[in-house]
Amino acid sequence: MLALKTAEKLLAEVAPAERKALQALIQLATKQKSQAERVLQDLLPIVTDESHQDDPYLILAIANAYNIVKQPTRAKNILKRTISSVTWTPEKAAGWKGI
């Protein structure tokens, strides 16, 4: 619990563009099905937007949420689909490197 509280405090220092995905990862750390379902409701509409389709933190959060709600096939499929569709550039590589 201390780690979650620390993460929430550090979240205030993150750029607003990345805050939603990182907040979702913090919610998923509880491993509660209700939290995972809420994360899916919040993030699935966002990831359909063209500018967020290859955001590694959003994809990771969605895949983790699917695993928590016992849908590992969907988690695997979203990871496969995302990784296969991402065009490799040095700028994007920096974002994927930290995961």
Protein backbone atom coordinates (compact mmCIF):
# COMPACT_ATOMS: atom_id res chain seq x y z
CA MET A 1 0.00 0.00 0.00
CA LEU A 2 2.87 2.36 0.69
CA ALA A 3 4.13 1.86 -2.85
CA LEU A 4 0.70 2.76 -4.26
CA LYS A 5 0.53 5.93 -2.17
CA THR A 6 4.02 6.91 -3.29
CA ALA A 7 3.09 6.27 -6.92
CA GLU A 8 0.00 8.46 -6.57
CA LYS A 9 2.11 11.29 -5.17
CA LEU A 10 4.64 10.98 -7.98
CA LEU A 11 1.85 10.96 -10.55
CA ALA A 12 1.34 14.67 -9.95
CA GLU A 13 4.79 15.28 -11.45
CA VAL A 14 4.00 13.48 -14.71
CA ALA A 15 2.94 15.30 -17.83
CA PRO A 16 -0.86 15.40 -18.21
CA ALA A 17 -0.70 13.52 -21.52
CA GLU A 18 0.75 10.43 -19.82
CA ARG A 19 -1.17 10.73 -16.57
CA LYS A 20 -4.29 8.77 -17.62
CA ALA A 21 -2.39 5.60 -18.53
CA LEU A 22 -0.18 5.71 -15.45
CA GLN A 23 -3.21 6.31 -13.23
CA ALA A 24 -4.77 3.22 -14.78
CA LEU A 25 -1.66 1.17 -13.99
CA ILE A 26 -1.85 2.32 -10.37
CA GLN A 27 -5.51 1.26 -10.20
CA LEU A 28 -4.61 -2.13 -11.67
CA ALA A 29 -1.97 -2.70 -9.01
CA THR A 30 -4.79 -3.58 -6.60
CA LYS A 31 -5.67 -6.58 -8.85
CA GLN A 32 -9.37 -6.02 -8.19
CA LYS A 33 -11.79 -7.02 -10.92
CA SER A 34 -13.97 -3.95 -10.41
CA GLN A 35 -10.96 -1.65 -10.86
CA ALA A 36 -9.90 -3.54 -13.99
CA GLU A 37 -13.38 -3.20 -15.49
CA ARG A 38 -13.35 0.54 -14.76
CA VAL A 39 -9.93 0.89 -16.41
CA LEU A 40 -11.22 -0.89 -19.52
CA GLN A 41 -14.24 1.43 -19.66
CA ASP A 42 -11.98 4.46 -19.40
CA LEU A 43 -9.16 3.44 -21.72
CA LEU A 44 -10.80 1.56 -24.58
CA PRO A 45 -12.43 4.71 -26.00
CA ILE A 46 -9.12 6.58 -25.70
CA VAL A 47 -7.07 3.95 -27.51
CA THR A 48 -9.41 4.04 -30.51
CA ASP A 49 -8.18 7.59 -31.18
CA GLU A 50 -5.44 7.54 -33.84
CA SER A 51 -2.99 9.56 -31.75
CA HIS A 52 -3.11 7.10 -28.82
CA GLN A 53 -3.14 3.76 -30.65
CA ASP A 54 0.54 3.07 -30.09
CA ASP A 55 0.91 4.50 -26.59
CA PRO A 56 2.79 1.73 -24.76
CA TYR A 57 1.40 2.58 -21.33
CA LEU A 58 -2.21 2.55 -22.53
CA ILE A 59 -1.73 -0.79 -24.28
CA LEU A 60 0.01 -2.26 -21.23
CA ALA A 61 -2.77 -1.06 -18.94
CA ILE A 62 -5.48 -2.52 -21.18
CA ALA A 63 -3.66 -5.86 -21.48
CA ASN A 64 -3.19 -6.03 -17.70
CA ALA A 65 -6.86 -5.20 -17.16
CA TYR A 66 -7.91 -8.01 -19.50
CA ASN A 67 -5.69 -10.43 -17.56
CA ILE A 68 -7.25 -9.37 -14.26
CA VAL A 69 -10.79 -9.93 -15.59
CA LYS A 70 -9.69 -13.38 -16.76
CA GLN A 71 -9.58 -12.65 -20.50
CA PRO A 72 -5.95 -13.46 -21.36
CA THR A 73 -6.74 -14.11 -25.02
CA ARG A 74 -7.91 -10.53 -25.49
CA ALA A 75 -4.81 -9.28 -23.66
CA LYS A 76 -2.56 -11.30 -25.95
CA ASN A 77 -4.42 -10.18 -29.07
CA ILE A 78 -4.21 -6.46 -28.25
CA LEU A 79 -0.50 -6.78 -27.59
CA LYS A 80 0.09 -8.68 -30.84
CA ARG A 81 -2.02 -6.28 -32.89
CA THR A 82 -0.33 -3.22 -31.42
CA ILE A 83 3.23 -4.43 -31.72
CA SER A 84 2.74 -5.63 -35.28
CA SER A 85 1.19 -2.32 -36.37
CA VAL A 86 3.71 0.04 -34.79
CA THR A 87 6.17 1.55 -37.22
CA TRP A 88 9.57 1.61 -35.62
CA THR A 89 11.11 5.04 -35.07
CA PRO A 90 13.78 6.12 -32.57
CA GLU A 91 11.28 8.44 -30.85
CA LYS A 92 8.82 5.61 -30.24
CA ALA A 93 11.61 3.25 -29.21
CA ALA A 94 12.37 5.45 -26.22
CA GLY A 95 8.80 5.01 -24.94
CA TRP A 96 8.79 1.20 -25.35
CA LYS A 97 12.23 0.83 -23.79
CA GLY A 98 11.01 1.70 -20.29
CA ILE A 99 8.42 -1.06 -20.15
